[in-house]
C-alpha atoms as a PDB file:
ATOM      1  CA  UNK A   1      88.619  10.962  76.572  1.00  0.00           C
ATOM      2  CA  UNK A   2      91.107   8.285  77.687  1.00  0.00           C
ATOM      3  CA  UNK A   3      90.411   4.556  78.126  1.00  0.00           C
ATOM      4  CA  UNK A   4      92.670   1.716  79.248  1.00  0.00           C
ATOM      5  CA  UNK A   5      91.694  -1.331  77.190  1.00  0.00           C
ATOM      6  CA  UNK A   6      92.911  -4.794  78.171  1.00  0.00           C
ATOM      7  CA  UNK A   7      93.243  -7.103  75.156  1.00  0.00           C
ATOM      8  CA  UNK A   8      93.016 -10.894  75.004  1.00  0.00           C
ATOM      9  CA  UNK A   9      95.604 -11.383  72.268  1.00  0.00           C
ATOM     10  CA  UNK A  10      95.946 -15.197  72.592  1.00  0.00           C
ATOM     11  CA  UNK A  11      92.155 -15.567  72.462  1.00  0.00           C
ATOM     12  CA  UNK A  12      92.036 -13.335  69.399  1.00  0.00           C
ATOM     13  CA  UNK A  13      94.396 -15.531  67.398  1.00  0.00           C
ATOM     14  CA  UNK A  14      92.842 -18.761  68.627  1.00  0.00           C
ATOM     15  CA  UNK A  15      89.381 -17.657  67.542  1.00  0.00           C
ATOM     16  CA  UNK A  16      90.691 -16.299  64.246  1.00  0.00           C
ATOM     17  CA  UNK A  17      92.055 -19.788  63.493  1.00  0.00           C
ATOM     18  CA  UNK A  18      88.809 -21.490  64.515  1.00  0.00           C
ATOM     19  CA  UNK A  19      86.645 -19.169  62.407  1.00  0.00           C
ATOM     20  CA  UNK A  20      89.019 -19.647  59.475  1.00  0.00           C
ATOM     21  CA  UNK A  21      88.305 -23.383  59.552  1.00  0.00           C
ATOM     22  CA  UNK A  22      84.563 -22.677  59.536  1.00  0.00           C
ATOM     23  CA  UNK A  23      84.852 -20.257  56.619  1.00  0.00           C
ATOM     24  CA  UNK A  24      86.889 -22.713  54.574  1.00  0.00           C
ATOM     25  CA  UNK A  25      84.403 -25.478  55.282  1.00  0.00           C
ATOM     26  CA  UNK A  26      81.604 -23.178  54.077  1.00  0.00           C
ATOM     27  CA  UNK A  27      83.581 -22.225  50.963  1.00  0.00           C
ATOM     28  CA  UNK A  28      83.655 -18.577  52.081  1.00  0.00           C
ATOM     29  CA  UNK A  29      87.460 -18.262  52.369  1.00  0.00           C
ATOM     30  CA  UNK A  30      90.232 -18.970  49.848  1.00  0.00           C
ATOM     31  CA  UNK A  31      92.007 -22.332  50.348  1.00  0.00           C
ATOM     32  CA  UNK A  32      95.292 -20.559  51.127  1.00  0.00           C
ATOM     33  CA  UNK A  33      93.772 -18.061  53.602  1.00  0.00           C
ATOM     34  CA  UNK A  34      95.384 -17.817  57.032  1.00  0.00           C
ATOM     35  CA  UNK A  35      94.316 -16.627  60.481  1.00  0.00           C
ATOM     36  CA  UNK A  36      95.798 -13.249  59.536  1.00  0.00           C
ATOM     37  CA  UNK A  37      93.377 -13.114  56.592  1.00  0.00           C
ATOM     38  CA  UNK A  38      90.464 -13.547  59.032  1.00  0.00           C
ATOM     39  CA  UNK A  39      91.885 -11.040  61.531  1.00  0.00           C
ATOM     40  CA  UNK A  40      92.270  -8.472  58.767  1.00  0.00           C
ATOM     41  CA  UNK A  41      88.537  -8.784  57.999  1.00  0.00           C
ATOM     42  CA  UNK A  42      87.637  -8.245  61.644  1.00  0.00           C
ATOM     43  CA  UNK A  43      89.637  -5.024  61.799  1.00  0.00           C
ATOM     44  CA  UNK A  44      89.326  -3.921  58.174  1.00  0.00           C
ATOM     45  CA  UNK A  45      93.111  -3.582  57.901  1.00  0.00           C
ATOM     46  CA  UNK A  46      96.128  -5.822  57.482  1.00  0.00           C
ATOM     47  CA  UNK A  47      98.615  -5.894  60.389  1.00  0.00           C
ATOM     48  CA  UNK A  48     100.698  -3.167  58.733  1.00  0.00           C
ATOM     49  CA  UNK A  49      97.704  -0.804  58.623  1.00  0.00           C
ATOM     50  CA  UNK A  50      96.790  -1.074  54.948  1.00  0.00           C
ATOM     51  CA  UNK A  51      92.989  -1.277  54.452  1.00  0.00           C
ATOM     52  CA  UNK A  52      91.810  -4.568  52.962  1.00  0.00           C
ATOM     53  CA  UNK A  53      89.436  -2.622  50.668  1.00  0.00           C
ATOM     54  CA  UNK A  54      92.268  -1.957  48.235  1.00  0.00           C
ATOM     55  CA  UNK A  55      94.158  -5.235  48.595  1.00  0.00           C
ATOM     56  CA  UNK A  56      91.833  -8.033  49.766  1.00  0.00           C
ATOM     57  CA  UNK A  57      94.149 -10.994  49.096  1.00  0.00           C
ATOM     58  CA  UNK A  58      97.340  -9.818  50.810  1.00  0.00           C
ATOM     59  CA  UNK A  59      98.812  -6.641  52.229  1.00  0.00           C
ATOM     60  CA  UNK A  60     100.313  -4.298  49.640  1.00  0.00           C
ATOM     61  CA  UNK A  61     101.907  -1.369  51.516  1.00  0.00           C
ATOM     62  CA  UNK A  62     101.921   1.948  49.684  1.00  0.00           C
ATOM     63  CA  UNK A  63     104.817   4.411  49.347  1.00  0.00           C
ATOM     64  CA  UNK A  64     106.542   5.475  52.563  1.00  0.00           C
ATOM     65  CA  UNK A  65     104.798   8.524  53.989  1.00  0.00           C
ATOM     66  CA  UNK A  66     101.620   8.062  51.964  1.00  0.00           C
ATOM     67  CA  UNK A  67      98.256   8.053  53.722  1.00  0.00           C
ATOM     68  CA  UNK A  68      96.894   4.483  53.483  1.00  0.00           C
ATOM     69  CA  UNK A  69      93.347   5.819  53.873  1.00  0.00           C
ATOM     70  CA  UNK A  70      93.563   8.480  51.162  1.00  0.00           C
ATOM     71  CA  UNK A  71      91.541   6.388  48.699  1.00  0.00           C
ATOM     72  CA  UNK A  72      89.547   4.352  51.237  1.00  0.00           C
ATOM     73  CA  UNK A  73      85.877   4.138  50.215  1.00  0.00           C
ATOM     74  CA  UNK A  74      83.056   1.636  50.729  1.00  0.00           C
ATOM     75  CA  UNK A  75      80.445   3.011  48.341  1.00  0.00           C
ATOM     76  CA  UNK A  76      81.074   0.305  45.758  1.00  0.00           C
ATOM     77  CA  UNK A  77      80.947  -2.436  48.391  1.00  0.00           C
ATOM     78  CA  UNK A  78      77.456  -2.045  49.917  1.00  0.00           C
ATOM     79  CA  UNK A  79      77.154  -5.750  50.816  1.00  0.00           C
ATOM     80  CA  UNK A  80      80.513  -5.904  52.575  1.00  0.00           C
ATOM     81  CA  UNK A  81      82.035  -8.509  50.259  1.00  0.00           C
ATOM     82  CA  UNK A  82      85.462  -6.847  50.393  1.00  0.00           C
ATOM     83  CA  UNK A  83      85.360  -5.009  53.752  1.00  0.00           C
ATOM     84  CA  UNK A  84      82.754  -6.742  55.958  1.00  0.00           C
ATOM     85  CA  UNK A  85      79.982  -4.532  57.325  1.00  0.00           C
ATOM     86  CA  UNK A  86      81.019  -5.640  60.832  1.00  0.00           C
ATOM     87  CA  UNK A  87      84.712  -4.701  60.351  1.00  0.00           C
ATOM     88  CA  UNK A  88      85.956  -2.432  63.122  1.00  0.00           C
ATOM     89  CA  UNK A  89      87.018   0.486  60.939  1.00  0.00           C
ATOM     90  CA  UNK A  90      83.788   0.324  58.931  1.00  0.00           C
ATOM     91  CA  UNK A  91      81.576   0.152  62.020  1.00  0.00           C
ATOM     92  CA  UNK A  92      83.341   3.161  63.515  1.00  0.00           C
ATOM     93  CA  UNK A  93      83.386   5.194  60.282  1.00  0.00           C
ATOM     94  CA  UNK A  94      81.138   3.955  57.443  1.00  0.00           C
ATOM     95  CA  UNK A  95      82.472   6.701  55.146  1.00  0.00           C
ATOM     96  CA  UNK A  96      80.477   6.613  51.896  1.00  0.00           C
ATOM     97  CA  UNK A  97      79.164   3.066  52.443  1.00  0.00           C
ATOM     98  CA  UNK A  98      76.307   3.500  54.928  1.00  0.00           C
ATOM     99  CA  UNK A  99      73.048   2.131  53.513  1.00  0.00           C
ATOM    100  CA  UNK A 100      70.144   2.893  55.857  1.00  0.00           C
ATOM    101  CA  UNK A 101      67.963   0.191  54.338  1.00  0.00           C
ATOM    102  CA  UNK A 102      68.761  -2.464  51.705  1.00  0.00           C
ATOM    103  CA  UNK A 103      68.252  -1.271  48.163  1.00  0.00           C
ATOM    104  CA  UNK A 104      68.671   2.422  48.926  1.00  0.00           C
ATOM    105  CA  UNK A 105      71.768   4.361  47.812  1.00  0.00           C
ATOM    106  CA  UNK A 106      74.445   4.998  50.444  1.00  0.00           C
ATOM    107  CA  UNK A 107      74.512   8.263  52.363  1.00  0.00           C
ATOM    108  CA  UNK A 108      77.084  10.814  51.293  1.00  0.00           C
ATOM    109  CA  UNK A 109      80.184  10.639  53.469  1.00  0.00           C
ATOM    110  CA  UNK A 110      79.773  14.352  54.282  1.00  0.00           C
ATOM    111  CA  UNK A 111      76.501  13.568  56.107  1.00  0.00           C
ATOM    112  CA  UNK A 112      78.503  11.605  58.705  1.00  0.00           C
ATOM    113  CA  UNK A 113      81.321  14.103  59.239  1.00  0.00           C
ATOM    114  CA  UNK A 114      79.781  15.294  62.518  1.00  0.00           C
ATOM    115  CA  UNK A 115      80.314  11.805  64.018  1.00  0.00           C
ATOM    116  CA  UNK A 116      84.020  11.555  63.261  1.00  0.00           C
ATOM    117  CA  UNK A 117      86.608  11.642  66.037  1.00  0.00           C
ATOM    118  CA  UNK A 118      90.394  11.770  66.195  1.00  0.00           C
ATOM    119  CA  UNK A 119      91.779   8.538  67.668  1.00  0.00           C
ATOM    120  CA  UNK A 120      95.241   7.660  68.909  1.00  0.00           C
ATOM    121  CA  UNK A 121      96.422   4.493  70.639  1.00  0.00           C
ATOM    122  CA  UNK A 122      99.446   3.671  72.799  1.00  0.00           C
ATOM    123  CA  UNK A 123     100.099  -0.071  73.352  1.00  0.00           C
ATOM    124  CA  UNK A 124     101.125  -1.335  76.777  1.00  0.00           C
ATOM    125  CA  UNK A 125     102.621  -4.680  77.775  1.00  0.00           C
ATOM    126  CA  UNK A 126     104.984  -6.893  75.745  1.00  0.00           C
ATOM    127  CA  UNK A 127     103.907  -8.460  72.470  1.00  0.00           C
ATOM    128  CA  UNK A 128     102.430 -11.962  72.749  1.00  0.00           C
ATOM    129  CA  UNK A 129     104.728 -14.831  71.811  1.00  0.00           C
ATOM    130  CA  UNK A 130     103.104 -18.317  71.813  1.00  0.00           C
ATOM    131  CA  UNK A 131     106.568 -19.862  72.286  1.00  0.00           C
ATOM    132  CA  UNK A 132     106.931 -18.147  75.687  1.00  0.00           C
ATOM    133  CA  UNK A 133     103.827 -19.375  77.488  1.00  0.00           C
ATOM    134  CA  UNK A 134     105.557 -19.097  80.855  1.00  0.00           C
ATOM    135  CA  UNK A 135     107.575 -15.949  80.155  1.00  0.00           C
ATOM    136  CA  UNK A 136     106.756 -12.264  80.141  1.00  0.00           C
ATOM    137  CA  UNK A 137     105.537 -12.532  76.537  1.00  0.00           C
ATOM    138  CA  UNK A 138     103.146 -15.363  77.445  1.00  0.00           C
ATOM    139  CA  UNK A 139      99.371 -15.340  77.460  1.00  0.00           C
ATOM    140  CA  UNK A 140      98.902 -14.245  81.070  1.00  0.00           C
ATOM    141  CA  UNK A 141     100.948 -11.044  80.866  1.00  0.00           C
ATOM    142  CA  UNK A 142      98.751  -7.900  80.954  1.00  0.00           C
ATOM    143  CA  UNK A 143      98.705  -6.118  77.608  1.00  0.00           C
ATOM    144  CA  UNK A 144      96.449  -3.840  75.683  1.00  0.00           C
ATOM    145  CA  UNK A 145      95.961  -0.299  74.470  1.00  0.00           C
ATOM    146  CA  UNK A 146      95.695   3.158  75.984  1.00  0.00           C
ATOM    147  CA  UNK A 147      93.043   4.716  73.753  1.00  0.00           C
ATOM    148  CA  UNK A 148      92.795   8.493  73.403  1.00  0.00           C
ATOM    149  CA  UNK A 149      89.886  10.082  71.548  1.00  0.00           C
ATOM    150  CA  UNK A 150      89.369  13.732  70.699  1.00  0.00           C
ATOM    151  CA  UNK A 151      85.962  15.172  69.825  1.00  0.00           C
ATOM    152  CA  UNK A 152      83.983  18.386  70.189  1.00  0.00           C
ATOM    153  CA  UNK A 153      80.839  16.660  71.509  1.00  0.00           C
ATOM    154  CA  UNK A 154      81.383  13.567  73.648  1.00  0.00           C
ATOM    155  CA  UNK A 155      77.746  12.442  73.524  1.00  0.00           C
ATOM    156  CA  UNK A 156      77.111  12.963  69.816  1.00  0.00           C
ATOM    157  CA  UNK A 157      80.487  11.618  68.719  1.00  0.00           C
ATOM    158  CA  UNK A 158      82.226   8.971  70.863  1.00  0.00           C
ATOM    159  CA  UNK A 159      79.212   7.802  72.874  1.00  0.00           C
ATOM    160  CA  UNK A 160      77.016   7.741  69.760  1.00  0.00           C
ATOM    161  CA  UNK A 161      79.602   5.666  67.874  1.00  0.00           C
ATOM    162  CA  UNK A 162      79.963   3.197  70.739  1.00  0.00           C
ATOM    163  CA  UNK A 163      76.251   2.718  71.433  1.00  0.00           C
ATOM    164  CA  UNK A 164      74.577   3.165  68.058  1.00  0.00           C
ATOM    165  CA  UNK A 165      77.199   1.801  65.689  1.00  0.00           C
ATOM    166  CA  UNK A 166      79.981  -0.294  67.252  1.00  0.00           C
ATOM    167  CA  UNK A 167      77.968  -2.194  69.894  1.00  0.00           C
ATOM    168  CA  UNK A 168      74.712  -2.322  67.918  1.00  0.00           C
ATOM    169  CA  UNK A 169      74.129  -5.713  66.207  1.00  0.00           C
ATOM    170  CA  UNK A 170      71.601  -4.117  63.842  1.00  0.00           C
ATOM    171  CA  UNK A 171      73.995  -1.592  62.335  1.00  0.00           C
ATOM    172  CA  UNK A 172      74.005  -1.036  59.416  1.00  0.00           C
ATOM    173  CA  UNK A 173      70.248  -1.421  59.949  1.00  0.00           C
ATOM    174  CA  UNK A 174      67.570  -3.511  58.304  1.00  0.00           C
ATOM    175  CA  UNK A 175      69.635  -6.467  57.120  1.00  0.00           C
ATOM    176  CA  UNK A 176      68.570 -10.102  57.465  1.00  0.00           C
ATOM    177  CA  UNK A 177      70.489 -11.700  59.054  1.00  0.00           C
ATOM    178  CA  UNK A 178      71.740  -8.800  61.169  1.00  0.00           C
ATOM    179  CA  UNK A 179      75.331  -7.589  60.742  1.00  0.00           C
ATOM    180  CA  UNK A 180      76.319  -8.115  64.386  1.00  0.00           C
ATOM    181  CA  UNK A 181      78.332  -5.992  66.816  1.00  0.00           C
ATOM    182  CA  UNK A 182      81.933  -5.006  66.178  1.00  0.00           C
ATOM    183  CA  UNK A 183      83.875  -8.234  66.916  1.00  0.00           C
ATOM    184  CA  UNK A 184      86.988  -6.281  67.910  1.00  0.00           C
ATOM    185  CA  UNK A 185      85.526  -4.008  70.614  1.00  0.00           C
ATOM    186  CA  UNK A 186      81.995  -5.230  71.088  1.00  0.00           C
ATOM    187  CA  UNK A 187      80.401  -7.866  73.334  1.00  0.00           C
ATOM    188  CA  UNK A 188      80.046 -11.567  72.537  1.00  0.00           C
ATOM    189  CA  UNK A 189      78.057 -11.526  69.327  1.00  0.00           C
ATOM    190  CA  UNK A 190      77.399 -13.474  66.150  1.00  0.00           C
ATOM    191  CA  UNK A 191      78.395 -11.636  62.985  1.00  0.00           C
ATOM    192  CA  UNK A 192      77.308 -12.173  59.410  1.00  0.00           C
ATOM    193  CA  UNK A 193      80.163 -12.794  57.003  1.00  0.00           C
ATOM    194  CA  UNK A 194      78.853 -12.100  53.500  1.00  0.00           C
ATOM    195  CA  UNK A 195      80.426 -13.288  50.261  1.00  0.00           C
ATOM    196  CA  UNK A 196      79.380 -13.024  46.651  1.00  0.00           C
ATOM    197  CA  UNK A 197      77.617 -16.128  45.327  1.00  0.00           C
ATOM    198  CA  UNK A 198      75.798 -16.666  42.007  1.00  0.00           C
ATOM    199  CA  UNK A 199      75.205 -12.954  41.553  1.00  0.00           C
ATOM    200  CA  UNK A 200      73.847 -12.585  45.070  1.00  0.00           C
ATOM    201  CA  UNK A 201      75.117 -12.586  48.629  1.00  0.00           C
ATOM    202  CA  UNK A 202      75.739 -15.654  50.782  1.00  0.00           C
ATOM    203  CA  UNK A 203      75.765 -15.270  54.543  1.00  0.00           C
ATOM    204  CA  UNK A 204      77.923 -17.296  56.920  1.00  0.00           C
ATOM    205  CA  UNK A 205      77.337 -16.795  60.639  1.00  0.00           C
ATOM    206  CA  UNK A 206      80.421 -16.583  62.833  1.00  0.00           C
ATOM    207  CA  UNK A 207      80.512 -16.170  66.610  1.00  0.00           C
ATOM    208  CA  UNK A 208      83.286 -14.390  68.496  1.00  0.00           C
ATOM    209  CA  UNK A 209      83.963 -14.068  72.197  1.00  0.00           C
ATOM    210  CA  UNK A 210      84.953 -10.791  73.776  1.00  0.00           C
ATOM    211  CA  UNK A 211      88.569  -9.697  73.259  1.00  0.00           C
ATOM    212  CA  UNK A 212      88.678  -6.187  74.768  1.00  0.00           C
ATOM    213  CA  UNK A 213      87.638  -5.008  78.237  1.00  0.00           C
ATOM    214  CA  UNK A 214      87.719  -1.470  79.616  1.00  0.00           C
ATOM    215  CA  UNK A 215      89.824  -1.281  82.805  1.00  0.00           C
ATOM    216  CA  UNK A 216      89.548   2.457  83.341  1.00  0.00           C
ATOM    217  CA  UNK A 217      88.294   5.613  81.656  1.00  0.00           C
ATOM    218  CA  UNK A 218      88.661   9.360  81.986  1.00  0.00           C
ATOM    219  CA  UNK A 219      86.679  12.150  80.362  1.00  0.00           C
ATOM    220  CA  UNK A 220      88.759  15.325  80.277  1.00  0.00           C
ATOM    221  CA  UNK A 221      88.569  18.797  78.739  1.00  0.00           C
ATOM    222  CA  UNK A 222      91.261  19.709  76.232  1.00  0.00           C
ATOM    223  CA  UNK A 223      91.880  23.435  75.561  1.00  0.00           C
ATOM    224  CA  UNK A 224      91.656  24.725  72.007  1.00  0.00           C
ATOM    225  CA  UNK A 225      94.714  24.745  69.759  1.00  0.00           C
ATOM    226  CA  UNK A 226      95.121  28.560  69.974  1.00  0.00           C
ATOM    227  CA  UNK A 227      95.060  28.272  73.782  1.00  0.00           C
ATOM    228  CA  UNK A 228      97.664  25.493  73.760  1.00  0.00           C
ATOM    229  CA  UNK A 229      99.905  27.517  71.416  1.00  0.00           C
ATOM    230  CA  UNK A 230      99.613  30.586  73.650  1.00  0.00           C
ATOM    231  CA  UNK A 231     100.354  28.453  76.713  1.00  0.00           C
ATOM    232  CA  UNK A 232     103.462  26.962  75.089  1.00  0.00           C
ATOM    233  CA  UNK A 233     104.941  30.312  74.029  1.00  0.00           C
ATOM    234  CA  UNK A 234     104.050  32.129  77.259  1.00  0.00           C
ATOM    235  CA  UNK A 235     101.462  34.512  75.798  1.00  0.00           C
ATOM    236  CA  UNK A 236      98.328  32.922  77.243  1.00  0.00           C
ATOM    237  CA  UNK A 237      95.829  35.460  78.533  1.00  0.00           C
ATOM    238  CA  UNK A 238      94.663  33.740  81.706  1.00  0.00           C
ATOM    239  CA  UNK A 239      92.548  36.617  82.949  1.00  0.00           C
ATOM    240  CA  UNK A 240      88.934  36.180  84.034  1.00  0.00           C
ATOM    241  CA  UNK A 241      86.896  37.940  81.348  1.00  0.00           C
ATOM    242  CA  UNK A 242      83.563  39.624  82.025  1.00  0.00           C
ATOM    243  CA  UNK A 243      81.428  39.418  78.903  1.00  0.00           C
ATOM    244  CA  UNK A 244      79.431  42.445  77.707  1.00  0.00           C
ATOM    245  CA  UNK A 245      75.947  42.491  79.209  1.00  0.00           C
ATOM    246  CA  UNK A 246      77.068  40.812  82.451  1.00  0.00           C
ATOM    247  CA  UNK A 247      75.399  42.059  85.646  1.00  0.00           C
ATOM    248  CA  UNK A 248      77.179  41.638  88.997  1.00  0.00           C
ATOM    249  CA  UNK A 249      74.906  41.406  92.021  1.00  0.00           C
ATOM    250  CA  UNK A 250      75.663  41.374  95.732  1.00  0.00           C
ATOM    251  CA  UNK A 251      77.848  38.374  96.539  1.00  0.00           C
ATOM    252  CA  UNK A 252      79.049  37.715  92.975  1.00  0.00           C
ATOM    253  CA  UNK A 253      82.830  37.227  92.883  1.00  0.00           C
ATOM    254  CA  UNK A 254      85.171  37.100  89.884  1.00  0.00           C
ATOM    255  CA  UNK A 255      88.298  35.487  91.314  1.00  0.00           C
ATOM    256  CA  UNK A 256      91.617  35.559  89.455  1.00  0.00           C
ATOM    257  CA  UNK A 257      93.713  34.641  92.481  1.00  0.00           C
ATOM    258  CA  UNK A 258      95.672  37.804  93.182  1.00  0.00           C
ATOM    259  CA  UNK A 259      92.608  39.951  92.446  1.00  0.00           C
ATOM    260  CA  UNK A 260      88.897  39.475  93.138  1.00  0.00           C
ATOM    261  CA  UNK A 261      86.229  41.766  91.719  1.00  0.00           C
ATOM    262  CA  UNK A 262      83.044  41.670  93.803  1.00  0.00           C
ATOM    263  CA  UNK A 263      79.994  43.711  94.761  1.00  0.00           C
ATOM    264  CA  UNK A 264      79.762  43.925  98.532  1.00  0.00           C
ATOM    265  CA  UNK A 265      76.601  43.715 100.588  1.00  0.00           C
ATOM    266  CA  UNK A 266      76.843  47.506 101.118  1.00  0.00           C
ATOM    267  CA  UNK A 267      76.693  48.154  97.354  1.00  0.00           C
ATOM    268  CA  UNK A 268      80.370  48.989  97.000  1.00  0.00           C
ATOM    269  CA  UNK A 269      82.126  47.493  93.923  1.00  0.00           C
ATOM    270  CA  UNK A 270      85.609  46.532  95.110  1.00  0.00           C
ATOM    271  CA  UNK A 271      88.811  44.809  94.057  1.00  0.00           C
ATOM    272  CA  UNK A 272      90.211  42.652  96.851  1.00  0.00           C
ATOM    273  CA  UNK A 273      93.708  41.231  97.311  1.00  0.00           C
ATOM    274  CA  UNK A 274      94.235  37.579  98.429  1.00  0.00           C
ATOM    275  CA  UNK A 275      94.003  38.567 102.111  1.00  0.00           C
ATOM    276  CA  UNK A 276      90.685  40.390 101.602  1.00  0.00           C
ATOM    277  CA  UNK A 277      92.125  43.896 101.675  1.00  0.00           C
ATOM    278  CA  UNK A 278      90.705  46.574  99.384  1.00  0.00           C
ATOM    279  CA  UNK A 279      92.857  47.448  96.382  1.00  0.00           C
ATOM    280  CA  UNK A 280      90.189  49.659  94.862  1.00  0.00           C
ATOM    281  CA  UNK A 281      86.568  50.589  95.370  1.00  0.00           C
ATOM    282  CA  UNK A 282      83.896  52.489  93.485  1.00  0.00           C
ATOM    283  CA  UNK A 283      82.905  54.444  96.587  1.00  0.00           C
ATOM    284  CA  UNK A 284      79.237  53.483  96.204  1.00  0.00           C
ATOM    285  CA  UNK A 285      78.599  52.018  99.663  1.00  0.00           C
ATOM    286  CA  UNK A 286      75.006  52.649 100.656  1.00  0.00           C
ATOM    287  CA  UNK A 287      73.844  53.463  97.119  1.00  0.00           C
ATOM    288  CA  UNK A 288      74.987  50.633  94.830  1.00  0.00           C
ATOM    289  CA  UNK A 289      72.605  47.798  93.994  1.00  0.00           C
ATOM    290  CA  UNK A 290      74.285  46.064  91.038  1.00  0.00           C
ATOM    291  CA  UNK A 291      77.083  46.567  88.503  1.00  0.00           C
ATOM    292  CA  UNK A 292      76.741  46.288  84.718  1.00  0.00           C
ATOM    293  CA  UNK A 293      79.450  45.860  82.110  1.00  0.00           C
ATOM    294  CA  UNK A 294      77.593  47.309  79.141  1.00  0.00           C
ATOM    295  CA  UNK A 295      77.915  46.394  75.500  1.00  0.00           C
ATOM    296  CA  UNK A 296      79.317  49.868  74.846  1.00  0.00           C
ATOM    297  CA  UNK A 297      82.388  49.014  76.937  1.00  0.00           C
ATOM    298  CA  UNK A 298      81.433  50.910  80.089  1.00  0.00           C
ATOM    299  CA  UNK A 299      81.300  49.532  83.626  1.00  0.00           C
ATOM    300  CA  UNK A 300      78.679  51.166  85.849  1.00  0.00           C
ATOM    301  CA  UNK A 301      77.303  50.795  89.362  1.00  0.00           C
ATOM    302  CA  UNK A 302      73.556  51.374  89.587  1.00  0.00           C
ATOM    303  CA  UNK A 303      71.013  52.032  92.271  1.00  0.00           C
ATOM    304  CA  UNK A 304      68.016  49.785  92.827  1.00  0.00           C
ATOM    305  CA  UNK A 305      66.038  52.106  90.570  1.00  0.00           C
ATOM    306  CA  UNK A 306      68.614  51.860  87.775  1.00  0.00           C
ATOM    307  CA  UNK A 307      70.319  55.237  88.172  1.00  0.00           C
ATOM    308  CA  UNK A 308      74.096  55.334  87.632  1.00  0.00           C
ATOM    309  CA  UNK A 309      76.108  56.219  90.734  1.00  0.00           C
ATOM    310  CA  UNK A 310      79.545  55.358  89.308  1.00  0.00           C
ATOM    311  CA  UNK A 311      80.958  54.734  85.822  1.00  0.00           C
ATOM    312  CA  UNK A 312      84.293  53.844  84.302  1.00  0.00           C
ATOM    313  CA  UNK A 313      84.063  56.503  81.587  1.00  0.00           C
ATOM    314  CA  UNK A 314      84.792  54.029  78.813  1.00  0.00           C
ATOM    315  CA  UNK A 315      81.550  54.223  76.811  1.00  0.00           C
ATOM    316  CA  UNK A 316      81.873  54.198  73.023  1.00  0.00           C
ATOM    317  CA  UNK A 317      84.092  51.112  72.858  1.00  0.00           C
ATOM    318  CA  UNK A 318      81.754  48.214  71.991  1.00  0.00           C
ATOM    319  CA  UNK A 319      84.664  45.811  71.482  1.00  0.00           C
ATOM    320  CA  UNK A 320      86.161  46.465  74.919  1.00  0.00           C
ATOM    321  CA  UNK A 321      86.859  43.672  77.435  1.00  0.00           C
ATOM    322  CA  UNK A 322      86.674  43.770  81.225  1.00  0.00           C
ATOM    323  CA  UNK A 323      89.500  41.594  82.575  1.00  0.00           C
ATOM    324  CA  UNK A 324      90.362  40.496  86.117  1.00  0.00           C
ATOM    325  CA  UNK A 325      93.996  39.448  85.906  1.00  0.00           C
ATOM    326  CA  UNK A 326      96.049  37.093  88.105  1.00  0.00           C
ATOM    327  CA  UNK A 327      98.651  39.866  88.261  1.00  0.00           C
ATOM    328  CA  UNK A 328      96.218  41.851  90.437  1.00  0.00           C
ATOM    329  CA  UNK A 329      95.003  44.250  87.768  1.00  0.00           C
ATOM    330  CA  UNK A 330      91.386  44.842  86.812  1.00  0.00           C
ATOM    331  CA  UNK A 331      91.205  46.628  83.456  1.00  0.00           C
ATOM    332  CA  UNK A 332      88.893  47.558  80.619  1.00  0.00           C
ATOM    333  CA  UNK A 333      90.815  47.053  77.434  1.00  0.00           C
ATOM    334  CA  UNK A 334      90.077  47.712  73.752  1.00  0.00           C
ATOM    335  CA  UNK A 335      92.523  45.644  71.738  1.00  0.00           C
ATOM    336  CA  UNK A 336      95.922  46.350  73.296  1.00  0.00           C
ATOM    337  CA  UNK A 337      94.842  49.748  74.642  1.00  0.00           C
ATOM    338  CA  UNK A 338      93.942  49.984  78.336  1.00  0.00           C
ATOM    339  CA  UNK A 339      90.959  52.313  78.725  1.00  0.00           C
ATOM    340  CA  UNK A 340      90.585  52.013  82.488  1.00  0.00           C
ATOM    341  CA  UNK A 341      92.484  50.349  85.317  1.00  0.00           C
ATOM    342  CA  UNK A 342      91.046  49.812  88.804  1.00  0.00           C
ATOM    343  CA  UNK A 343      94.447  50.059  90.454  1.00  0.00           C
ATOM    344  CA  UNK A 344      95.065  53.358  88.705  1.00  0.00           C
ATOM    345  CA  UNK A 345      92.207  55.258  90.292  1.00  0.00           C
ATOM    346  CA  UNK A 346      88.561  55.975  89.586  1.00  0.00           C
ATOM    347  CA  UNK A 347      86.930  57.906  86.774  1.00  0.00           C
ATOM    348  CA  UNK A 348      83.517  58.838  88.042  1.00  0.00           C
END
């Protein structure tokens, strides 16, 4: 899944400064806090990528090469006093800090593993520079992020995260006042900034405009890692495979380009070349009704009553595969051993 996300960077920093003034007035921010301090709470990270959970006052980068998220947990921060419950990285992955209703213990992080996705971002456009309002680094220059997400189930992972967590004001659920939508990606929404006060929690409501808009999106299929490795080293098996138990009926075609395996209207199982010429046939015209690739590894042509009128002679190989190859071959293969080849003649 790929999305082009336009970002309002000037608006982001302007609103961070405005909300900072409100937090200081409410006594919910340190006197020396800056707009960067506010922005870090919206994202859940400092500009360098370090999570604020481990260093709430200022960024403290770890050793070069170390994973900044290796020790990232929220279980001891159920109220969001250190990493706000509305913070982008917490909304998108609550880890061990998801409380389904106030007063209950958090869910185990392992219970949410099925929602996790792999995310990568590529920025586009020049960085914003307030000193160049009329130049290419000014506020009107298009800029943003090309977001790439990988998941096994688009609906239960990315779409669930976007609808049920990120854009949902009542997530985590059951809190009064509500947490609010993710201020980084979500729509215009008030959020509840909670701080510790007299042994309890004090809520300050902040309102943010929208900073990110989707300009384009693409859902695409990505092959598995073994397939990509085989493709890169030239060993990819790109044959059309007929699974055991498959029945071919009149009109069914398995097309690999240079070879097509089909059962003709006359009942003849044939392999055709790209021009429609016969490369091989079972010789069952007038008697064939369907073709079965059995679980024992044998390909047969049967009459309407189920009697066998042609067979490949490959029974006894339950692990065999029937392959229609782009090279023009149609074979039954057990491991690396070819048991039968259409272009090599019949075994009836």
